[in-house]
């Protein structure tokens, strides 16, 4: 798909925006909340992490990005197998932190019959766990990059988001949140607009009304309402609430204001800020993200900001010459 210069910059901003939010939120994860404006890229956290280092949220997004950047269609079994293998490799050789459900799925799927596709084994385990009503934010935290994987098709984006989420988080609310956020990222890259409701049409009809209510709550309640936010719905609400509550801030200063507000909500700060950062990067673009954060951000597997922008463009199908 041919992209304008502005859309290319916005595509380049998705992974970078996510990583910035992630690294900014890392020091405050599950710690005493800080006031909006006080967060700094000082490292520490659960890792512990170096200043500016991203966590598992962006690490897992990079597993997806590296598969999609090679031209793979994330709706296919072959691509999902590649993502699943990347997750397994990351768990063994790169994970600085890992969510309980993700760890459970990867371990159980690895122990099952190797004669079936790994992606099918992972999805089967994930679906079994979904019967217990588990709806953590582990799929949502890594989904922004999926929004770049099929810019010419909203339908394909929605299907890719659903299938990638279901590898570890198959519960309906997890899948729906990933569909909504991935489509919002796609829309922001193509139109420079922030719209979360545009994805409602791609959810099952019987679930759209409840999601409309949840989105409306995020837009009308104080952002501090949405904690704890390890649950995929409150994580989405926290990120969206922080974005909407600060959208009157002029221009790209919106990025800084929204991320600071997202982190001030507390609880799973790196994840909420990573979710928000991916969409903010899609809206404002790589060139308009705060330079002081761009210069600091880095992480597994030995990448920096320039690497993230190149990877985002490759996923979008418009690599640098």
C-alpha atoms as a PDB file:
ATOM      1  CA  UNK A   1       0.000   0.000   0.000  1.00  0.00           C
ATOM      2  CA  UNK A   2       1.388   3.403  -0.992  1.00  0.00           C
ATOM      3  CA  UNK A   3       1.612   5.686   2.039  1.00  0.00           C
ATOM      4  CA  UNK A   4       1.997   9.439   2.211  1.00  0.00           C
ATOM      5  CA  UNK A   5       5.043  10.864   3.958  1.00  0.00           C
ATOM      6  CA  UNK A   6       2.892  11.632   6.996  1.00  0.00           C
ATOM      7  CA  UNK A   7       1.455   8.131   7.145  1.00  0.00           C
ATOM      8  CA  UNK A   8       4.940   6.649   6.842  1.00  0.00           C
ATOM      9  CA  UNK A   9       6.092   8.700   9.806  1.00  0.00           C
ATOM     10  CA  UNK A  10       3.053   7.618  11.788  1.00  0.00           C
ATOM     11  CA  UNK A  11       3.749   3.967  10.942  1.00  0.00           C
ATOM     12  CA  UNK A  12       7.328   4.482  12.100  1.00  0.00           C
ATOM     13  CA  UNK A  13       5.991   5.822  15.399  1.00  0.00           C
ATOM     14  CA  UNK A  14       3.973   2.788  16.487  1.00  0.00           C
ATOM     15  CA  UNK A  15       6.675   0.539  17.942  1.00  0.00           C
ATOM     16  CA  UNK A  16       8.685   3.539  19.077  1.00  0.00           C
ATOM     17  CA  UNK A  17       5.716   5.067  20.890  1.00  0.00           C
ATOM     18  CA  UNK A  18       4.956   1.754  22.569  1.00  0.00           C
ATOM     19  CA  UNK A  19       8.565   1.307  23.686  1.00  0.00           C
ATOM     20  CA  UNK A  20       8.721   4.831  25.084  1.00  0.00           C
ATOM     21  CA  UNK A  21       5.572   4.328  27.127  1.00  0.00           C
ATOM     22  CA  UNK A  22       6.827   0.959  28.308  1.00  0.00           C
ATOM     23  CA  UNK A  23      10.252   2.238  29.401  1.00  0.00           C
ATOM     24  CA  UNK A  24       8.749   5.312  31.060  1.00  0.00           C
ATOM     25  CA  UNK A  25       6.318   3.173  33.035  1.00  0.00           C
ATOM     26  CA  UNK A  26       8.798   0.460  34.031  1.00  0.00           C
ATOM     27  CA  UNK A  27      10.082   2.098  37.255  1.00  0.00           C
ATOM     28  CA  UNK A  28       6.578   2.495  38.690  1.00  0.00           C
ATOM     29  CA  UNK A  29       5.013  -0.906  37.962  1.00  0.00           C
ATOM     30  CA  UNK A  30       2.983  -2.074  40.983  1.00  0.00           C
ATOM     31  CA  UNK A  31       4.671   0.600  43.117  1.00  0.00           C
ATOM     32  CA  UNK A  32       3.220   3.629  44.870  1.00  0.00           C
ATOM     33  CA  UNK A  33       1.617   5.876  42.204  1.00  0.00           C
ATOM     34  CA  UNK A  34       3.423   9.039  41.149  1.00  0.00           C
ATOM     35  CA  UNK A  35       1.767  12.300  40.204  1.00  0.00           C
ATOM     36  CA  UNK A  36       1.271  13.097  36.528  1.00  0.00           C
ATOM     37  CA  UNK A  37       4.451  14.697  35.222  1.00  0.00           C
ATOM     38  CA  UNK A  38       6.794  13.047  37.711  1.00  0.00           C
ATOM     39  CA  UNK A  39       7.655   9.848  35.790  1.00  0.00           C
ATOM     40  CA  UNK A  40      11.214   9.518  34.527  1.00  0.00           C
ATOM     41  CA  UNK A  41      13.108   6.858  32.562  1.00  0.00           C
ATOM     42  CA  UNK A  42      15.186   5.818  35.553  1.00  0.00           C
ATOM     43  CA  UNK A  43      15.007   2.052  35.113  1.00  0.00           C
ATOM     44  CA  UNK A  44      14.578  -0.363  37.972  1.00  0.00           C
ATOM     45  CA  UNK A  45      11.131  -1.882  38.236  1.00  0.00           C
ATOM     46  CA  UNK A  46      10.565  -5.637  38.240  1.00  0.00           C
ATOM     47  CA  UNK A  47      13.428  -6.409  35.842  1.00  0.00           C
ATOM     48  CA  UNK A  48      15.379  -4.638  37.076  1.00  0.00           C
ATOM     49  CA  UNK A  49      15.840  -2.548  33.961  1.00  0.00           C
ATOM     50  CA  UNK A  50      18.415  -0.020  32.812  1.00  0.00           C
ATOM     51  CA  UNK A  51      17.181   3.543  32.331  1.00  0.00           C
ATOM     52  CA  UNK A  52      15.227   3.670  29.079  1.00  0.00           C
ATOM     53  CA  UNK A  53      14.957  -0.112  28.717  1.00  0.00           C
ATOM     54  CA  UNK A  54      11.637  -1.575  27.623  1.00  0.00           C
ATOM     55  CA  UNK A  55      10.036  -4.626  29.239  1.00  0.00           C
ATOM     56  CA  UNK A  56       8.163  -7.754  28.149  1.00  0.00           C
ATOM     57  CA  UNK A  57       5.347  -5.685  26.626  1.00  0.00           C
ATOM     58  CA  UNK A  58       7.586  -4.425  23.825  1.00  0.00           C
ATOM     59  CA  UNK A  59       9.720  -7.573  23.764  1.00  0.00           C
ATOM     60  CA  UNK A  60       6.670  -9.625  22.785  1.00  0.00           C
ATOM     61  CA  UNK A  61       5.558  -6.986  20.277  1.00  0.00           C
ATOM     62  CA  UNK A  62       8.973  -7.307  18.647  1.00  0.00           C
ATOM     63  CA  UNK A  63       8.493 -11.067  18.282  1.00  0.00           C
ATOM     64  CA  UNK A  64       5.363 -10.317  16.245  1.00  0.00           C
ATOM     65  CA  UNK A  65       6.986  -7.456  14.361  1.00  0.00           C
ATOM     66  CA  UNK A  66       9.947  -9.498  13.179  1.00  0.00           C
ATOM     67  CA  UNK A  67       7.627 -12.091  11.645  1.00  0.00           C
ATOM     68  CA  UNK A  68       5.364  -9.508  10.016  1.00  0.00           C
ATOM     69  CA  UNK A  69       8.326  -7.470   8.744  1.00  0.00           C
ATOM     70  CA  UNK A  70       9.418 -10.467   6.681  1.00  0.00           C
ATOM     71  CA  UNK A  71       6.158 -10.211   4.762  1.00  0.00           C
ATOM     72  CA  UNK A  72       4.205 -12.898   6.597  1.00  0.00           C
ATOM     73  CA  UNK A  73       0.413 -12.669   6.725  1.00  0.00           C
ATOM     74  CA  UNK A  74      -0.479 -12.766  10.430  1.00  0.00           C
ATOM     75  CA  UNK A  75      -3.824 -14.393   9.678  1.00  0.00           C
ATOM     76  CA  UNK A  76      -2.159 -17.596   8.418  1.00  0.00           C
ATOM     77  CA  UNK A  77      -1.087 -20.680  10.328  1.00  0.00           C
ATOM     78  CA  UNK A  78       2.467 -20.439   9.004  1.00  0.00           C
ATOM     79  CA  UNK A  79       2.873 -16.890  10.324  1.00  0.00           C
ATOM     80  CA  UNK A  80       1.266 -17.757  13.639  1.00  0.00           C
ATOM     81  CA  UNK A  81       3.620 -20.711  13.996  1.00  0.00           C
ATOM     82  CA  UNK A  82       6.523 -18.316  13.438  1.00  0.00           C
ATOM     83  CA  UNK A  83       5.174 -15.918  16.077  1.00  0.00           C
ATOM     84  CA  UNK A  84       4.635 -18.823  18.476  1.00  0.00           C
ATOM     85  CA  UNK A  85       8.214 -20.028  17.920  1.00  0.00           C
ATOM     86  CA  UNK A  86       9.448 -16.484  18.501  1.00  0.00           C
ATOM     87  CA  UNK A  87       7.562 -16.346  21.800  1.00  0.00           C
ATOM     88  CA  UNK A  88       9.126 -19.650  22.888  1.00  0.00           C
ATOM     89  CA  UNK A  89      12.602 -18.438  21.922  1.00  0.00           C
ATOM     90  CA  UNK A  90      12.036 -15.150  23.737  1.00  0.00           C
ATOM     91  CA  UNK A  91      10.911 -16.956  26.894  1.00  0.00           C
ATOM     92  CA  UNK A  92      14.083 -19.004  26.933  1.00  0.00           C
ATOM     93  CA  UNK A  93      16.595 -16.388  25.901  1.00  0.00           C
ATOM     94  CA  UNK A  94      15.258 -12.864  26.275  1.00  0.00           C
ATOM     95  CA  UNK A  95      12.362 -12.513  28.681  1.00  0.00           C
ATOM     96  CA  UNK A  96      13.166 -10.100  31.485  1.00  0.00           C
ATOM     97  CA  UNK A  97       9.670 -10.597  32.866  1.00  0.00           C
ATOM     98  CA  UNK A  98       6.703 -12.706  31.796  1.00  0.00           C
ATOM     99  CA  UNK A  99       3.048 -12.761  32.732  1.00  0.00           C
ATOM    100  CA  UNK A 100       1.682 -15.823  34.496  1.00  0.00           C
ATOM    101  CA  UNK A 101      -0.819 -16.750  31.801  1.00  0.00           C
ATOM    102  CA  UNK A 102       1.705 -16.314  29.000  1.00  0.00           C
ATOM    103  CA  UNK A 103       4.223 -18.468  30.873  1.00  0.00           C
ATOM    104  CA  UNK A 104       1.589 -21.134  31.468  1.00  0.00           C
ATOM    105  CA  UNK A 105       0.528 -21.242  27.827  1.00  0.00           C
ATOM    106  CA  UNK A 106       4.078 -21.426  26.515  1.00  0.00           C
ATOM    107  CA  UNK A 107       5.047 -24.180  28.963  1.00  0.00           C
ATOM    108  CA  UNK A 108       1.965 -26.337  28.424  1.00  0.00           C
ATOM    109  CA  UNK A 109       1.989 -25.944  24.646  1.00  0.00           C
ATOM    110  CA  UNK A 110       5.676 -26.901  24.493  1.00  0.00           C
ATOM    111  CA  UNK A 111       4.932 -30.100  26.419  1.00  0.00           C
ATOM    112  CA  UNK A 112       2.130 -31.235  24.112  1.00  0.00           C
ATOM    113  CA  UNK A 113       2.254 -33.426  20.996  1.00  0.00           C
ATOM    114  CA  UNK A 114       4.887 -31.970  18.689  1.00  0.00           C
ATOM    115  CA  UNK A 115       3.057 -33.515  15.742  1.00  0.00           C
ATOM    116  CA  UNK A 116       0.597 -30.619  15.693  1.00  0.00           C
ATOM    117  CA  UNK A 117       1.290 -26.986  14.884  1.00  0.00           C
ATOM    118  CA  UNK A 118       2.723 -25.014  17.771  1.00  0.00           C
ATOM    119  CA  UNK A 119       0.277 -22.184  17.164  1.00  0.00           C
ATOM    120  CA  UNK A 120      -2.626 -24.630  17.380  1.00  0.00           C
ATOM    121  CA  UNK A 121      -1.280 -26.072  20.638  1.00  0.00           C
ATOM    122  CA  UNK A 122      -0.841 -22.619  22.123  1.00  0.00           C
ATOM    123  CA  UNK A 123      -4.304 -21.494  21.083  1.00  0.00           C
ATOM    124  CA  UNK A 124      -5.833 -24.694  22.479  1.00  0.00           C
ATOM    125  CA  UNK A 125      -4.181 -24.131  25.869  1.00  0.00           C
ATOM    126  CA  UNK A 126      -5.224 -20.491  25.780  1.00  0.00           C
ATOM    127  CA  UNK A 127      -8.827 -21.466  25.072  1.00  0.00           C
ATOM    128  CA  UNK A 128      -8.781 -23.920  27.966  1.00  0.00           C
ATOM    129  CA  UNK A 129      -7.601 -21.173  30.310  1.00  0.00           C
ATOM    130  CA  UNK A 130     -10.298 -18.878  28.931  1.00  0.00           C
ATOM    131  CA  UNK A 131     -12.928 -21.208  30.381  1.00  0.00           C
ATOM    132  CA  UNK A 132     -11.893 -19.953  33.801  1.00  0.00           C
ATOM    133  CA  UNK A 133     -12.734 -16.394  32.756  1.00  0.00           C
ATOM    134  CA  UNK A 134      -9.122 -15.234  32.670  1.00  0.00           C
ATOM    135  CA  UNK A 135      -8.918 -11.952  30.765  1.00  0.00           C
ATOM    136  CA  UNK A 136      -5.509 -10.459  31.449  1.00  0.00           C
ATOM    137  CA  UNK A 137      -3.916  -7.660  29.438  1.00  0.00           C
ATOM    138  CA  UNK A 138      -1.076  -9.779  27.999  1.00  0.00           C
ATOM    139  CA  UNK A 139      -2.537  -9.834  24.489  1.00  0.00           C
ATOM    140  CA  UNK A 140      -3.458  -6.163  24.444  1.00  0.00           C
ATOM    141  CA  UNK A 141      -0.013  -5.018  25.582  1.00  0.00           C
ATOM    142  CA  UNK A 142       1.625  -6.299  22.375  1.00  0.00           C
ATOM    143  CA  UNK A 143      -1.113  -5.692  19.802  1.00  0.00           C
ATOM    144  CA  UNK A 144      -0.325  -2.202  18.451  1.00  0.00           C
ATOM    145  CA  UNK A 145       2.117  -3.540  15.864  1.00  0.00           C
ATOM    146  CA  UNK A 146      -0.628  -5.751  14.423  1.00  0.00           C
ATOM    147  CA  UNK A 147      -2.342  -2.528  13.361  1.00  0.00           C
ATOM    148  CA  UNK A 148       0.418  -2.034  10.772  1.00  0.00           C
ATOM    149  CA  UNK A 149       0.289  -5.531   9.334  1.00  0.00           C
ATOM    150  CA  UNK A 150      -2.612  -5.076   6.900  1.00  0.00           C
ATOM    151  CA  UNK A 151      -3.096  -1.376   6.272  1.00  0.00           C
ATOM    152  CA  UNK A 152      -5.088  -2.079   3.121  1.00  0.00           C
ATOM    153  CA  UNK A 153      -7.719  -4.153   4.944  1.00  0.00           C
ATOM    154  CA  UNK A 154      -9.543  -3.509   8.201  1.00  0.00           C
ATOM    155  CA  UNK A 155     -11.018  -7.010   8.033  1.00  0.00           C
ATOM    156  CA  UNK A 156      -7.609  -8.630   7.791  1.00  0.00           C
ATOM    157  CA  UNK A 157      -6.281  -6.428  10.595  1.00  0.00           C
ATOM    158  CA  UNK A 158      -9.151  -7.520  12.843  1.00  0.00           C
ATOM    159  CA  UNK A 159      -8.580 -11.200  12.054  1.00  0.00           C
ATOM    160  CA  UNK A 160      -4.835 -10.915  12.632  1.00  0.00           C
ATOM    161  CA  UNK A 161      -5.391  -9.160  15.968  1.00  0.00           C
ATOM    162  CA  UNK A 162      -7.791 -11.879  17.070  1.00  0.00           C
ATOM    163  CA  UNK A 163      -5.541 -14.764  16.059  1.00  0.00           C
ATOM    164  CA  UNK A 164      -2.373 -13.286  17.536  1.00  0.00           C
ATOM    165  CA  UNK A 165      -4.156 -12.519  20.818  1.00  0.00           C
ATOM    166  CA  UNK A 166      -5.580 -16.040  20.996  1.00  0.00           C
ATOM    167  CA  UNK A 167      -2.110 -17.576  20.992  1.00  0.00           C
ATOM    168  CA  UNK A 168      -1.946 -16.768  24.699  1.00  0.00           C
ATOM    169  CA  UNK A 169      -5.155 -14.856  25.526  1.00  0.00           C
ATOM    170  CA  UNK A 170      -8.203 -16.377  23.822  1.00  0.00           C
ATOM    171  CA  UNK A 171     -10.897 -15.127  26.191  1.00  0.00           C
ATOM    172  CA  UNK A 172     -13.438 -13.043  24.248  1.00  0.00           C
ATOM    173  CA  UNK A 173     -12.678  -9.798  26.064  1.00  0.00           C
ATOM    174  CA  UNK A 174      -8.963 -10.198  25.389  1.00  0.00           C
ATOM    175  CA  UNK A 175      -9.564 -10.821  21.704  1.00  0.00           C
ATOM    176  CA  UNK A 176     -12.030  -7.936  21.411  1.00  0.00           C
ATOM    177  CA  UNK A 177      -9.688  -5.469  23.101  1.00  0.00           C
ATOM    178  CA  UNK A 178      -6.903  -6.411  20.680  1.00  0.00           C
ATOM    179  CA  UNK A 179      -9.192  -6.012  17.678  1.00  0.00           C
ATOM    180  CA  UNK A 180     -10.332  -2.576  18.836  1.00  0.00           C
ATOM    181  CA  UNK A 181      -6.834  -1.303  19.621  1.00  0.00           C
ATOM    182  CA  UNK A 182      -5.194  -2.692  16.478  1.00  0.00           C
ATOM    183  CA  UNK A 183      -7.878  -1.114  14.315  1.00  0.00           C
ATOM    184  CA  UNK A 184      -7.476   2.183  16.157  1.00  0.00           C
ATOM    185  CA  UNK A 185      -3.739   2.084  15.403  1.00  0.00           C
ATOM    186  CA  UNK A 186      -4.408   1.310  11.742  1.00  0.00           C
ATOM    187  CA  UNK A 187      -6.894   4.187  11.527  1.00  0.00           C
ATOM    188  CA  UNK A 188      -4.516   6.633  13.215  1.00  0.00           C
ATOM    189  CA  UNK A 189      -1.712   5.772  10.787  1.00  0.00           C
ATOM    190  CA  UNK A 190      -3.969   6.234   7.767  1.00  0.00           C
ATOM    191  CA  UNK A 191      -5.982   9.265   8.909  1.00  0.00           C
ATOM    192  CA  UNK A 192      -4.066  10.926  11.794  1.00  0.00           C
ATOM    193  CA  UNK A 193      -7.225  10.612  13.880  1.00  0.00           C
ATOM    194  CA  UNK A 194      -7.919   8.944  17.213  1.00  0.00           C
ATOM    195  CA  UNK A 195     -10.995   6.730  17.053  1.00  0.00           C
ATOM    196  CA  UNK A 196     -11.626   3.650  19.174  1.00  0.00           C
ATOM    197  CA  UNK A 197     -15.264   3.143  18.197  1.00  0.00           C
ATOM    198  CA  UNK A 198     -14.441   2.483  14.550  1.00  0.00           C
ATOM    199  CA  UNK A 199     -13.494  -1.057  15.454  1.00  0.00           C
ATOM    200  CA  UNK A 200     -16.834  -1.923  17.060  1.00  0.00           C
ATOM    201  CA  UNK A 201     -18.252  -3.105  13.738  1.00  0.00           C
ATOM    202  CA  UNK A 202     -15.596  -5.834  13.648  1.00  0.00           C
ATOM    203  CA  UNK A 203     -16.696  -7.378  16.945  1.00  0.00           C
ATOM    204  CA  UNK A 204     -19.504  -9.931  17.270  1.00  0.00           C
ATOM    205  CA  UNK A 205     -22.789  -8.031  17.295  1.00  0.00           C
ATOM    206  CA  UNK A 206     -23.800  -9.327  20.716  1.00  0.00           C
ATOM    207  CA  UNK A 207     -20.696  -7.834  22.342  1.00  0.00           C
ATOM    208  CA  UNK A 208     -20.636  -4.390  20.721  1.00  0.00           C
ATOM    209  CA  UNK A 209     -23.048  -2.752  23.170  1.00  0.00           C
ATOM    210  CA  UNK A 210     -21.008  -3.682  26.216  1.00  0.00           C
ATOM    211  CA  UNK A 211     -17.827  -2.395  24.586  1.00  0.00           C
ATOM    212  CA  UNK A 212     -19.578   0.863  23.709  1.00  0.00           C
ATOM    213  CA  UNK A 213     -20.384   1.222  27.406  1.00  0.00           C
ATOM    214  CA  UNK A 214     -16.799   0.496  28.432  1.00  0.00           C
ATOM    215  CA  UNK A 215     -15.434   3.011  25.939  1.00  0.00           C
ATOM    216  CA  UNK A 216     -17.917   5.642  27.135  1.00  0.00           C
ATOM    217  CA  UNK A 217     -16.812   5.035  30.732  1.00  0.00           C
ATOM    218  CA  UNK A 218     -13.200   5.611  29.715  1.00  0.00           C
ATOM    219  CA  UNK A 219     -14.153   8.909  28.104  1.00  0.00           C
ATOM    220  CA  UNK A 220     -16.261  10.234  30.961  1.00  0.00           C
ATOM    221  CA  UNK A 221     -14.749   8.923  34.188  1.00  0.00           C
ATOM    222  CA  UNK A 222     -11.561  10.139  35.815  1.00  0.00           C
ATOM    223  CA  UNK A 223      -8.572   8.110  34.565  1.00  0.00           C
ATOM    224  CA  UNK A 224      -7.712   7.164  38.158  1.00  0.00           C
ATOM    225  CA  UNK A 225     -10.867   5.027  38.112  1.00  0.00           C
ATOM    226  CA  UNK A 226      -9.218   2.383  35.961  1.00  0.00           C
ATOM    227  CA  UNK A 227      -7.071   0.555  38.455  1.00  0.00           C
ATOM    228  CA  UNK A 228      -6.172  -2.199  39.019  1.00  0.00           C
ATOM    229  CA  UNK A 229      -5.580  -2.661  35.311  1.00  0.00           C
ATOM    230  CA  UNK A 230      -4.126  -6.119  34.837  1.00  0.00           C
ATOM    231  CA  UNK A 231      -7.571  -6.934  33.376  1.00  0.00           C
ATOM    232  CA  UNK A 232      -7.711  -6.306  29.627  1.00  0.00           C
ATOM    233  CA  UNK A 233     -10.817  -4.107  29.822  1.00  0.00           C
ATOM    234  CA  UNK A 234      -9.495  -1.771  32.513  1.00  0.00           C
ATOM    235  CA  UNK A 235      -6.087  -1.672  30.805  1.00  0.00           C
ATOM    236  CA  UNK A 236      -7.749  -0.514  27.592  1.00  0.00           C
ATOM    237  CA  UNK A 237      -9.909   1.941  29.519  1.00  0.00           C
ATOM    238  CA  UNK A 238      -6.924   3.342  31.398  1.00  0.00           C
ATOM    239  CA  UNK A 239      -4.927   3.891  28.219  1.00  0.00           C
ATOM    240  CA  UNK A 240      -7.846   5.396  26.302  1.00  0.00           C
ATOM    241  CA  UNK A 241      -8.913   7.538  29.248  1.00  0.00           C
ATOM    242  CA  UNK A 242      -5.411   9.008  29.537  1.00  0.00           C
ATOM    243  CA  UNK A 243      -5.363   9.779  25.805  1.00  0.00           C
ATOM    244  CA  UNK A 244      -8.827  11.343  25.733  1.00  0.00           C
ATOM    245  CA  UNK A 245      -8.380  13.342  28.948  1.00  0.00           C
ATOM    246  CA  UNK A 246      -5.285  15.056  27.509  1.00  0.00           C
ATOM    247  CA  UNK A 247      -6.315  15.483  23.896  1.00  0.00           C
ATOM    248  CA  UNK A 248      -6.771  19.244  24.292  1.00  0.00           C
ATOM    249  CA  UNK A 249      -3.010  19.550  24.870  1.00  0.00           C
ATOM    250  CA  UNK A 250      -1.549  21.152  21.765  1.00  0.00           C
ATOM    251  CA  UNK A 251       0.159  19.031  19.137  1.00  0.00           C
ATOM    252  CA  UNK A 252       2.688  16.342  20.029  1.00  0.00           C
ATOM    253  CA  UNK A 253       2.840  17.574  23.628  1.00  0.00           C
ATOM    254  CA  UNK A 254      -0.234  15.362  23.824  1.00  0.00           C
ATOM    255  CA  UNK A 255       2.139  12.357  23.864  1.00  0.00           C
ATOM    256  CA  UNK A 256       3.953  13.486  26.984  1.00  0.00           C
ATOM    257  CA  UNK A 257       0.785  14.555  28.774  1.00  0.00           C
ATOM    258  CA  UNK A 258      -1.061  11.319  28.012  1.00  0.00           C
ATOM    259  CA  UNK A 259       1.816   9.023  29.001  1.00  0.00           C
ATOM    260  CA  UNK A 260       2.398  10.874  32.256  1.00  0.00           C
ATOM    261  CA  UNK A 261      -1.296  10.639  33.061  1.00  0.00           C
ATOM    262  CA  UNK A 262      -1.397   6.937  32.153  1.00  0.00           C
ATOM    263  CA  UNK A 263       1.473   6.191  34.521  1.00  0.00           C
ATOM    264  CA  UNK A 264      -0.054   8.248  37.332  1.00  0.00           C
ATOM    265  CA  UNK A 265      -3.038   5.869  37.329  1.00  0.00           C
ATOM    266  CA  UNK A 266      -0.744   3.295  38.900  1.00  0.00           C
ATOM    267  CA  UNK A 267      -0.721  -0.521  39.036  1.00  0.00           C
ATOM    268  CA  UNK A 268       0.492  -2.056  35.715  1.00  0.00           C
ATOM    269  CA  UNK A 269       2.093   1.202  34.638  1.00  0.00           C
ATOM    270  CA  UNK A 270       4.458  -0.049  31.952  1.00  0.00           C
ATOM    271  CA  UNK A 271       1.705  -1.983  30.223  1.00  0.00           C
ATOM    272  CA  UNK A 272      -0.888   0.800  30.286  1.00  0.00           C
ATOM    273  CA  UNK A 273       1.690   3.304  29.035  1.00  0.00           C
ATOM    274  CA  UNK A 274       2.889   0.865  26.359  1.00  0.00           C
ATOM    275  CA  UNK A 275      -0.675   0.394  25.118  1.00  0.00           C
ATOM    276  CA  UNK A 276      -1.260   4.144  25.063  1.00  0.00           C
ATOM    277  CA  UNK A 277       2.153   4.813  23.516  1.00  0.00           C
ATOM    278  CA  UNK A 278       1.536   2.587  20.524  1.00  0.00           C
ATOM    279  CA  UNK A 279      -1.605   4.490  19.598  1.00  0.00           C
ATOM    280  CA  UNK A 280      -0.062   7.876  20.353  1.00  0.00           C
ATOM    281  CA  UNK A 281       2.885   7.021  18.104  1.00  0.00           C
ATOM    282  CA  UNK A 282       0.428   6.049  15.374  1.00  0.00           C
ATOM    283  CA  UNK A 283      -1.306   9.416  15.751  1.00  0.00           C
ATOM    284  CA  UNK A 284       1.685  11.753  16.059  1.00  0.00           C
ATOM    285  CA  UNK A 285       4.470   9.880  14.277  1.00  0.00           C
ATOM    286  CA  UNK A 286       8.076   9.121  15.089  1.00  0.00           C
ATOM    287  CA  UNK A 287       9.350  12.610  14.331  1.00  0.00           C
ATOM    288  CA  UNK A 288       7.033  14.200  16.877  1.00  0.00           C
ATOM    289  CA  UNK A 289       7.747  11.919  19.820  1.00  0.00           C
ATOM    290  CA  UNK A 290       9.702  13.560  22.668  1.00  0.00           C
ATOM    291  CA  UNK A 291      13.408  13.544  21.720  1.00  0.00           C
ATOM    292  CA  UNK A 292      14.671  13.038  25.261  1.00  0.00           C
ATOM    293  CA  UNK A 293      12.787   9.746  25.419  1.00  0.00           C
ATOM    294  CA  UNK A 294      13.615   8.684  21.869  1.00  0.00           C
ATOM    295  CA  UNK A 295      17.308   9.070  22.644  1.00  0.00           C
ATOM    296  CA  UNK A 296      17.110   6.886  25.753  1.00  0.00           C
ATOM    297  CA  UNK A 297      14.889   4.021  24.702  1.00  0.00           C
ATOM    298  CA  UNK A 298      16.435   0.611  24.009  1.00  0.00           C
ATOM    299  CA  UNK A 299      16.018  -3.060  24.819  1.00  0.00           C
ATOM    300  CA  UNK A 300      15.942  -6.707  23.866  1.00  0.00           C
ATOM    301  CA  UNK A 301      17.164  -7.956  21.444  1.00  0.00           C
ATOM    302  CA  UNK A 302      19.742  -5.158  21.364  1.00  0.00           C
ATOM    303  CA  UNK A 303      17.645  -2.572  19.513  1.00  0.00           C
ATOM    304  CA  UNK A 304      17.283   1.206  19.767  1.00  0.00           C
ATOM    305  CA  UNK A 305      14.852   3.816  18.522  1.00  0.00           C
ATOM    306  CA  UNK A 306      16.146   3.800  14.949  1.00  0.00           C
ATOM    307  CA  UNK A 307      15.724   0.030  14.797  1.00  0.00           C
ATOM    308  CA  UNK A 308      12.124   0.326  15.974  1.00  0.00           C
ATOM    309  CA  UNK A 309      11.216   2.877  13.308  1.00  0.00           C
ATOM    310  CA  UNK A 310      12.769   0.717  10.585  1.00  0.00           C
ATOM    311  CA  UNK A 311      10.930  -2.343  11.840  1.00  0.00           C
ATOM    312  CA  UNK A 312       7.610  -0.514  11.991  1.00  0.00           C
ATOM    313  CA  UNK A 313       7.998   0.647   8.418  1.00  0.00           C
ATOM    314  CA  UNK A 314       8.876  -2.868   7.299  1.00  0.00           C
ATOM    315  CA  UNK A 315       5.726  -4.246   8.928  1.00  0.00           C
ATOM    316  CA  UNK A 316       3.730  -1.540   7.165  1.00  0.00           C
ATOM    317  CA  UNK A 317       5.231  -2.723   3.874  1.00  0.00           C
ATOM    318  CA  UNK A 318       7.171   0.500   3.240  1.00  0.00           C
ATOM    319  CA  UNK A 319      10.771  -0.197   4.296  1.00  0.00           C
ATOM    320  CA  UNK A 320      13.451   2.456   4.151  1.00  0.00           C
ATOM    321  CA  UNK A 321      15.342   2.515   0.848  1.00  0.00           C
END
